């Protein structure tokens, strides 16, 4: 599927990956809006954003797909068994 379709699914809570990624375990998901607390104890809105989970299991905040990723048609839903084949 293309990135537009993948993004719509991420808005519904799905986790997406690309078939061209060599290392297994990587995926992207949409972190919904929330509230964060600053060091000065102020609560501020945190806008929705993409997060990338690496093959090692760490989370990168503010993931941004490359141009190749935006144009790719190899995105798939990692939670749908039919898609993983």
PDB file of N, CA and C in Angstrom:
ATOM      1  N   UNK A   1       0.845  -1.181   0.000  1.00  0.00           N
ATOM      2  CA  UNK A   1       0.000   0.000   0.000  1.00  0.00           C
ATOM      3  C   UNK A   1       0.889   1.241   0.000  1.00  0.00           C
ATOM      4  N   UNK A   2       0.305   2.373  -0.360  1.00  0.00           N
ATOM      5  CA  UNK A   2       1.086   3.613  -0.385  1.00  0.00           C
ATOM      6  C   UNK A   2       1.053   4.293   0.989  1.00  0.00           C
ATOM      7  N   UNK A   3       1.849   5.357   1.135  1.00  0.00           N
ATOM      8  CA  UNK A   3       1.965   6.011   2.438  1.00  0.00           C
ATOM      9  C   UNK A   3       0.654   6.672   2.860  1.00  0.00           C
ATOM     10  N   UNK A   4      -0.105   7.214   1.909  1.00  0.00           N
ATOM     11  CA  UNK A   4      -1.379   7.853   2.266  1.00  0.00           C
ATOM     12  C   UNK A   4      -2.315   6.863   2.945  1.00  0.00           C
ATOM     13  N   UNK A   5      -2.405   5.673   2.388  1.00  0.00           N
ATOM     14  CA  UNK A   5      -3.256   4.637   2.982  1.00  0.00           C
ATOM     15  C   UNK A   5      -2.691   4.208   4.337  1.00  0.00           C
ATOM     16  N   UNK A   6      -1.369   4.057   4.399  1.00  0.00           N
ATOM     17  CA  UNK A   6      -0.722   3.679   5.660  1.00  0.00           C
ATOM     18  C   UNK A   6      -0.993   4.729   6.744  1.00  0.00           C
ATOM     19  N   UNK A   7      -0.930   5.997   6.382  1.00  0.00           N
ATOM     20  CA  UNK A   7      -1.172   7.070   7.350  1.00  0.00           C
ATOM     21  C   UNK A   7      -2.611   7.023   7.862  1.00  0.00           C
ATOM     22  N   UNK A   8      -3.556   6.784   6.979  1.00  0.00           N
ATOM     23  CA  UNK A   8      -4.948   6.680   7.411  1.00  0.00           C
ATOM     24  C   UNK A   8      -5.125   5.535   8.407  1.00  0.00           C
ATOM     25  N   UNK A   9      -4.446   4.414   8.166  1.00  0.00           N
ATOM     26  CA  UNK A   9      -4.517   3.290   9.106  1.00  0.00           C
ATOM     27  C   UNK A   9      -3.829   3.626  10.425  1.00  0.00           C
ATOM     28  N   UNK A  10      -2.707   4.367  10.365  1.00  0.00           N
ATOM     29  CA  UNK A  10      -2.032   4.766  11.608  1.00  0.00           C
ATOM     30  C   UNK A  10      -2.930   5.681  12.431  1.00  0.00           C
ATOM     31  N   UNK A  11      -3.736   6.494  11.773  1.00  0.00           N
ATOM     32  CA  UNK A  11      -4.682   7.358  12.490  1.00  0.00           C
ATOM     33  C   UNK A  11      -5.712   6.529  13.242  1.00  0.00           C
ATOM     34  N   UNK A  12      -5.907   5.284  12.825  1.00  0.00           N
ATOM     35  CA  UNK A  12      -6.842   4.375  13.489  1.00  0.00           C
ATOM     36  C   UNK A  12      -6.135   3.458  14.483  1.00  0.00           C
ATOM     37  N   UNK A  13      -4.836   3.717  14.739  1.00  0.00           N
ATOM     38  CA  UNK A  13      -4.100   2.967  15.747  1.00  0.00           C
ATOM     39  C   UNK A  13      -3.264   1.813  15.219  1.00  0.00           C
ATOM     40  N   UNK A  14      -3.138   1.668  13.904  1.00  0.00           N
ATOM     41  CA  UNK A  14      -2.382   0.561  13.329  1.00  0.00           C
ATOM     42  C   UNK A  14      -0.896   0.891  13.287  1.00  0.00           C
ATOM     43  N   UNK A  15      -0.052  -0.154  13.279  1.00  0.00           N
ATOM     44  CA  UNK A  15       1.404  -0.006  13.171  1.00  0.00           C
ATOM     45  C   UNK A  15       1.817  -0.428  11.767  1.00  0.00           C
ATOM     46  N   UNK A  16       2.673   0.371  11.129  1.00  0.00           N
ATOM     47  CA  UNK A  16       3.025   0.150   9.732  1.00  0.00           C
ATOM     48  C   UNK A  16       4.534  -0.031   9.572  1.00  0.00           C
ATOM     49  N   UNK A  17       4.910  -0.828   8.569  1.00  0.00           N
ATOM     50  CA  UNK A  17       6.320  -1.043   8.230  1.00  0.00           C
ATOM     51  C   UNK A  17       6.435  -1.091   6.713  1.00  0.00           C
ATOM     52  N   UNK A  18       7.681  -1.146   6.237  1.00  0.00           N
ATOM     53  CA  UNK A  18       7.934  -1.264   4.797  1.00  0.00           C
ATOM     54  C   UNK A  18       8.608  -2.591   4.505  1.00  0.00           C
ATOM     55  N   UNK A  19       8.227  -3.200   3.412  1.00  0.00           N
ATOM     56  CA  UNK A  19       8.822  -4.473   2.993  1.00  0.00           C
ATOM     57  C   UNK A  19      10.305  -4.317   2.659  1.00  0.00           C
ATOM     58  N   UNK A  20      10.715  -3.145   2.231  1.00  0.00           N
ATOM     59  CA  UNK A  20      12.113  -2.933   1.847  1.00  0.00           C
ATOM     60  C   UNK A  20      13.055  -2.766   3.041  1.00  0.00           C
ATOM     61  N   UNK A  21      12.509  -2.621   4.251  1.00  0.00           N
ATOM     62  CA  UNK A  21      13.371  -2.519   5.424  1.00  0.00           C
ATOM     63  C   UNK A  21      14.012  -3.877   5.675  1.00  0.00           C
ATOM     64  N   UNK A  22      15.309  -3.904   5.767  1.00  0.00           N
ATOM     65  CA  UNK A  22      16.057  -5.153   5.889  1.00  0.00           C
ATOM     66  C   UNK A  22      15.924  -5.760   7.283  1.00  0.00           C
ATOM     67  N   UNK A  23      16.066  -4.940   8.307  1.00  0.00           N
ATOM     68  CA  UNK A  23      16.003  -5.453   9.678  1.00  0.00           C
ATOM     69  C   UNK A  23      14.555  -5.664  10.113  1.00  0.00           C
ATOM     70  N   UNK A  24      14.219  -6.843  10.611  1.00  0.00           N
ATOM     71  CA  UNK A  24      12.859  -7.062  11.108  1.00  0.00           C
ATOM     72  C   UNK A  24      12.626  -6.323  12.426  1.00  0.00           C
ATOM     73  N   UNK A  25      11.383  -6.044  12.724  1.00  0.00           N
ATOM     74  CA  UNK A  25      11.034  -5.421  13.999  1.00  0.00           C
ATOM     75  C   UNK A  25      10.815  -3.932  13.923  1.00  0.00           C
ATOM     76  N   UNK A  26      11.185  -3.291  12.810  1.00  0.00           N
ATOM     77  CA  UNK A  26      10.980  -1.844  12.679  1.00  0.00           C
ATOM     78  C   UNK A  26       9.529  -1.554  12.337  1.00  0.00           C
ATOM     79  N   UNK A  27       9.007  -0.471  12.879  1.00  0.00           N
ATOM     80  CA  UNK A  27       7.678  -0.016  12.462  1.00  0.00           C
ATOM     81  C   UNK A  27       7.466   1.436  12.868  1.00  0.00           C
ATOM     82  N   UNK A  28       6.418   2.018  12.319  1.00  0.00           N
ATOM     83  CA  UNK A  28       6.043   3.405  12.589  1.00  0.00           C
ATOM     84  C   UNK A  28       4.610   3.395  13.122  1.00  0.00           C
ATOM     85  N   UNK A  29       4.344   4.282  14.063  1.00  0.00           N
ATOM     86  CA  UNK A  29       2.973   4.436  14.541  1.00  0.00           C
ATOM     87  C   UNK A  29       2.707   5.897  14.850  1.00  0.00           C
ATOM     88  N   UNK A  30       1.447   6.238  14.950  1.00  0.00           N
ATOM     89  CA  UNK A  30       1.047   7.610  15.249  1.00  0.00           C
ATOM     90  C   UNK A  30       0.758   7.734  16.738  1.00  0.00           C
ATOM     91  N   UNK A  31       1.504   8.573  17.390  1.00  0.00           N
ATOM     92  CA  UNK A  31       1.260   8.880  18.806  1.00  0.00           C
ATOM     93  C   UNK A  31       0.189   9.976  18.842  1.00  0.00           C
ATOM     94  N   UNK A  32      -0.960   9.729  19.456  1.00  0.00           N
ATOM     95  CA  UNK A  32      -2.023  10.742  19.446  1.00  0.00           C
ATOM     96  C   UNK A  32      -1.691  11.943  20.317  1.00  0.00           C
ATOM     97  N   UNK A  33      -2.483  12.978  20.160  1.00  0.00           N
ATOM     98  CA  UNK A  33      -2.336  14.173  20.996  1.00  0.00           C
ATOM     99  C   UNK A  33      -2.369  13.775  22.460  1.00  0.00           C
ATOM    100  N   UNK A  34      -1.581  14.483  23.245  1.00  0.00           N
ATOM    101  CA  UNK A  34      -1.566  14.237  24.684  1.00  0.00           C
ATOM    102  C   UNK A  34      -1.121  15.526  25.386  1.00  0.00           C
ATOM    103  N   UNK A  35      -0.834  15.407  26.641  1.00  0.00           N
ATOM    104  CA  UNK A  35      -0.351  16.552  27.421  1.00  0.00           C
ATOM    105  C   UNK A  35       1.010  16.173  27.981  1.00  0.00           C
ATOM    106  N   UNK A  36       1.956  17.096  27.912  1.00  0.00           N
ATOM    107  CA  UNK A  36       3.260  16.843  28.516  1.00  0.00           C
ATOM    108  C   UNK A  36       3.503  17.872  29.615  1.00  0.00           C
ATOM    109  N   UNK A  37       4.328  17.509  30.557  1.00  0.00           N
ATOM    110  CA  UNK A  37       4.673  18.396  31.662  1.00  0.00           C
ATOM    111  C   UNK A  37       6.098  18.874  31.465  1.00  0.00           C
ATOM    112  N   UNK A  38       6.286  20.172  31.443  1.00  0.00           N
ATOM    113  CA  UNK A  38       7.608  20.760  31.233  1.00  0.00           C
ATOM    114  C   UNK A  38       8.413  20.713  32.530  1.00  0.00           C
ATOM    115  N   UNK A  39       9.729  20.965  32.450  1.00  0.00           N
ATOM    116  CA  UNK A  39      10.531  21.009  33.681  1.00  0.00           C
ATOM    117  C   UNK A  39      10.015  22.039  34.695  1.00  0.00           C
ATOM    118  N   UNK A  40       9.322  23.067  34.221  1.00  0.00           N
ATOM    119  CA  UNK A  40       8.743  24.058  35.132  1.00  0.00           C
ATOM    120  C   UNK A  40       7.363  23.673  35.618  1.00  0.00           C
ATOM    121  N   UNK A  41       6.982  22.421  35.425  1.00  0.00           N
ATOM    122  CA  UNK A  41       5.701  21.865  35.866  1.00  0.00           C
ATOM    123  C   UNK A  41       4.493  22.444  35.145  1.00  0.00           C
ATOM    124  N   UNK A  42       4.724  23.009  33.961  1.00  0.00           N
ATOM    125  CA  UNK A  42       3.595  23.481  33.148  1.00  0.00           C
ATOM    126  C   UNK A  42       3.093  22.325  32.305  1.00  0.00           C
ATOM    127  N   UNK A  43       1.804  22.193  32.190  1.00  0.00           N
ATOM    128  CA  UNK A  43       1.220  21.182  31.315  1.00  0.00           C
ATOM    129  C   UNK A  43       0.889  21.842  29.986  1.00  0.00           C
ATOM    130  N   UNK A  44       1.464  21.285  28.925  1.00  0.00           N
ATOM    131  CA  UNK A  44       1.269  21.844  27.594  1.00  0.00           C
ATOM    132  C   UNK A  44       0.795  20.747  26.653  1.00  0.00           C
ATOM    133  N   UNK A  45       0.028  21.137  25.612  1.00  0.00           N
ATOM    134  CA  UNK A  45      -0.418  20.126  24.656  1.00  0.00           C
ATOM    135  C   UNK A  45       0.763  19.600  23.837  1.00  0.00           C
ATOM    136  N   UNK A  46       0.759  18.303  23.614  1.00  0.00           N
ATOM    137  CA  UNK A  46       1.749  17.658  22.763  1.00  0.00           C
ATOM    138  C   UNK A  46       0.995  17.179  21.529  1.00  0.00           C
ATOM    139  N   UNK A  47       1.322  17.731  20.373  1.00  0.00           N
ATOM    140  CA  UNK A  47       0.600  17.399  19.151  1.00  0.00           C
ATOM    141  C   UNK A  47       0.863  15.961  18.731  1.00  0.00           C
ATOM    142  N   UNK A  48      -0.086  15.402  17.997  1.00  0.00           N
ATOM    143  CA  UNK A  48       0.082  14.062  17.443  1.00  0.00           C
ATOM    144  C   UNK A  48       1.324  14.048  16.543  1.00  0.00           C
ATOM    145  N   UNK A  49       2.040  12.930  16.552  1.00  0.00           N
ATOM    146  CA  UNK A  49       3.263  12.833  15.749  1.00  0.00           C
ATOM    147  C   UNK A  49       3.586  11.365  15.491  1.00  0.00           C
ATOM    148  N   UNK A  50       4.404  11.125  14.478  1.00  0.00           N
ATOM    149  CA  UNK A  50       4.833   9.767  14.172  1.00  0.00           C
ATOM    150  C   UNK A  50       5.998   9.384  15.062  1.00  0.00           C
ATOM    151  N   UNK A  51       6.029   8.127  15.440  1.00  0.00           N
ATOM    152  CA  UNK A  51       7.169   7.566  16.179  1.00  0.00           C
ATOM    153  C   UNK A  51       7.661   6.339  15.431  1.00  0.00           C
ATOM    154  N   UNK A  52       8.965   6.146  15.468  1.00  0.00           N
ATOM    155  CA  UNK A  52       9.604   5.030  14.773  1.00  0.00           C
ATOM    156  C   UNK A  52      10.208   4.102  15.810  1.00  0.00           C
ATOM    157  N   UNK A  53       9.865   2.822  15.741  1.00  0.00           N
ATOM    158  CA  UNK A  53      10.448   1.824  16.629  1.00  0.00           C
ATOM    159  C   UNK A  53      11.535   1.109  15.844  1.00  0.00           C
ATOM    160  N   UNK A  54      12.746   1.110  16.388  1.00  0.00           N
ATOM    161  CA  UNK A  54      13.888   0.502  15.709  1.00  0.00           C
ATOM    162  C   UNK A  54      13.892  -1.010  15.888  1.00  0.00           C
ATOM    163  N   UNK A  55      14.753  -1.673  15.150  1.00  0.00           N
ATOM    164  CA  UNK A  55      14.900  -3.131  15.269  1.00  0.00           C
ATOM    165  C   UNK A  55      15.378  -3.515  16.663  1.00  0.00           C
ATOM    166  N   UNK A  56      16.075  -2.603  17.349  1.00  0.00           N
ATOM    167  CA  UNK A  56      16.580  -2.863  18.699  1.00  0.00           C
ATOM    168  C   UNK A  56      15.517  -2.595  19.765  1.00  0.00           C
ATOM    169  N   UNK A  57      14.363  -2.038  19.360  1.00  0.00           N
ATOM    170  CA  UNK A  57      13.285  -1.789  20.301  1.00  0.00           C
ATOM    171  C   UNK A  57      13.288  -0.422  20.936  1.00  0.00           C
ATOM    172  N   UNK A  58      14.135   0.497  20.464  1.00  0.00           N
ATOM    173  CA  UNK A  58      14.089   1.864  20.980  1.00  0.00           C
ATOM    174  C   UNK A  58      13.099   2.679  20.155  1.00  0.00           C
ATOM    175  N   UNK A  59      12.590   3.747  20.741  1.00  0.00           N
ATOM    176  CA  UNK A  59      11.594   4.581  20.082  1.00  0.00           C
ATOM    177  C   UNK A  59      12.204   5.929  19.732  1.00  0.00           C
ATOM    178  N   UNK A  60      12.047   6.326  18.481  1.00  0.00           N
ATOM    179  CA  UNK A  60      12.498   7.643  18.041  1.00  0.00           C
ATOM    180  C   UNK A  60      11.269   8.530  17.883  1.00  0.00           C
ATOM    181  N   UNK A  61      11.285   9.657  18.566  1.00  0.00           N
ATOM    182  CA  UNK A  61      10.161  10.588  18.525  1.00  0.00           C
ATOM    183  C   UNK A  61      10.303  11.494  17.307  1.00  0.00           C
ATOM    184  N   UNK A  62       9.189  11.790  16.689  1.00  0.00           N
ATOM    185  CA  UNK A  62       9.207  12.718  15.564  1.00  0.00           C
ATOM    186  C   UNK A  62       9.738  12.100  14.289  1.00  0.00           C
ATOM    187  N   UNK A  63       9.393  10.851  14.028  1.00  0.00           N
ATOM    188  CA  UNK A  63       9.835  10.188  12.801  1.00  0.00           C
ATOM    189  C   UNK A  63       9.255  10.916  11.594  1.00  0.00           C
ATOM    190  N   UNK A  64      10.063  11.022  10.556  1.00  0.00           N
ATOM    191  CA  UNK A  64       9.619  11.667   9.325  1.00  0.00           C
ATOM    192  C   UNK A  64      10.033  10.788   8.154  1.00  0.00           C
ATOM    193  N   UNK A  65       9.068  10.267   7.387  1.00  0.00           N
ATOM    194  CA  UNK A  65       9.434   9.412   6.257  1.00  0.00           C
ATOM    195  C   UNK A  65      10.280  10.167   5.236  1.00  0.00           C
ATOM    196  N   UNK A  66      11.192   9.456   4.612  1.00  0.00           N
ATOM    197  CA  UNK A  66      11.999  10.047   3.542  1.00  0.00           C
ATOM    198  C   UNK A  66      11.126  10.244   2.306  1.00  0.00           C
ATOM    199  N   UNK A  67      11.676  10.915   1.301  1.00  0.00           N
ATOM    200  CA  UNK A  67      10.943  11.051   0.042  1.00  0.00           C
ATOM    201  C   UNK A  67      10.623   9.679  -0.533  1.00  0.00           C
ATOM    202  N   UNK A  68      11.582   8.770  -0.444  1.00  0.00           N
ATOM    203  CA  UNK A  68      11.373   7.409  -0.951  1.00  0.00           C
ATOM    204  C   UNK A  68      10.225   6.737  -0.197  1.00  0.00           C
ATOM    205  N   UNK A  69      10.167   6.930   1.121  1.00  0.00           N
ATOM    206  CA  UNK A  69       9.104   6.343   1.922  1.00  0.00           C
ATOM    207  C   UNK A  69       7.739   6.929   1.597  1.00  0.00           C
ATOM    208  N   UNK A  70       7.712   8.229   1.327  1.00  0.00           N
ATOM    209  CA  UNK A  70       6.441   8.872   0.984  1.00  0.00           C
ATOM    210  C   UNK A  70       5.904   8.383  -0.354  1.00  0.00           C
ATOM    211  N   UNK A  71       6.806   8.017  -1.275  1.00  0.00           N
ATOM    212  CA  UNK A  71       6.401   7.586  -2.612  1.00  0.00           C
ATOM    213  C   UNK A  71       6.294   6.073  -2.750  1.00  0.00           C
ATOM    214  N   UNK A  72       6.717   5.342  -1.729  1.00  0.00           N
ATOM    215  CA  UNK A  72       6.757   3.877  -1.806  1.00  0.00           C
ATOM    216  C   UNK A  72       5.363   3.254  -1.752  1.00  0.00           C
ATOM    217  N   UNK A  73       5.256   2.086  -2.358  1.00  0.00           N
ATOM    218  CA  UNK A  73       4.019   1.312  -2.332  1.00  0.00           C
ATOM    219  C   UNK A  73       4.181   0.010  -1.553  1.00  0.00           C
ATOM    220  N   UNK A  74       5.228  -0.067  -0.729  1.00  0.00           N
ATOM    221  CA  UNK A  74       5.495  -1.317  -0.006  1.00  0.00           C
ATOM    222  C   UNK A  74       5.178  -1.241   1.481  1.00  0.00           C
ATOM    223  N   UNK A  75       4.337  -0.301   1.891  1.00  0.00           N
ATOM    224  CA  UNK A  75       3.924  -0.210   3.282  1.00  0.00           C
ATOM    225  C   UNK A  75       2.939  -1.333   3.587  1.00  0.00           C
ATOM    226  N   UNK A  76       2.992  -1.853   4.807  1.00  0.00           N
ATOM    227  CA  UNK A  76       2.030  -2.873   5.216  1.00  0.00           C
ATOM    228  C   UNK A  76       1.742  -2.765   6.703  1.00  0.00           C
ATOM    229  N   UNK A  77       0.588  -3.286   7.083  1.00  0.00           N
ATOM    230  CA  UNK A  77       0.111  -3.270   8.461  1.00  0.00           C
ATOM    231  C   UNK A  77       0.722  -4.478   9.174  1.00  0.00           C
ATOM    232  N   UNK A  78       1.566  -4.247  10.172  1.00  0.00           N
ATOM    233  CA  UNK A  78       2.268  -5.370  10.809  1.00  0.00           C
ATOM    234  C   UNK A  78       1.348  -6.187  11.698  1.00  0.00           C
ATOM    235  N   UNK A  79       0.173  -5.669  12.006  1.00  0.00           N
ATOM    236  CA  UNK A  79      -0.764  -6.394  12.869  1.00  0.00           C
ATOM    237  C   UNK A  79      -1.761  -7.248  12.081  1.00  0.00           C
ATOM    238  N   UNK A  80      -1.666  -7.222  10.757  1.00  0.00           N
ATOM    239  CA  UNK A  80      -2.562  -8.011   9.920  1.00  0.00           C
ATOM    240  C   UNK A  80      -1.767  -9.162   9.323  1.00  0.00           C
ATOM    241  N   UNK A  81      -2.023 -10.400   9.736  1.00  0.00           N
ATOM    242  CA  UNK A  81      -1.243 -11.545   9.270  1.00  0.00           C
ATOM    243  C   UNK A  81      -1.200 -11.665   7.743  1.00  0.00           C
ATOM    244  N   UNK A  82      -2.292 -11.372   7.042  1.00  0.00           N
ATOM    245  CA  UNK A  82      -2.327 -11.477   5.573  1.00  0.00           C
ATOM    246  C   UNK A  82      -1.302 -10.537   4.940  1.00  0.00           C
ATOM    247  N   UNK A  83      -1.098  -9.387   5.554  1.00  0.00           N
ATOM    248  CA  UNK A  83      -0.199  -8.375   5.016  1.00  0.00           C
ATOM    249  C   UNK A  83       1.268  -8.759   5.134  1.00  0.00           C
ATOM    250  N   UNK A  84       1.595  -9.561   6.132  1.00  0.00           N
ATOM    251  CA  UNK A  84       3.005  -9.872   6.402  1.00  0.00           C
ATOM    252  C   UNK A  84       3.604 -10.836   5.394  1.00  0.00           C
ATOM    253  N   UNK A  85       2.796 -11.582   4.709  1.00  0.00           N
ATOM    254  CA  UNK A  85       3.306 -12.580   3.744  1.00  0.00           C
ATOM    255  C   UNK A  85       3.925 -11.920   2.532  1.00  0.00           C
TER     256      UNK A  85
END
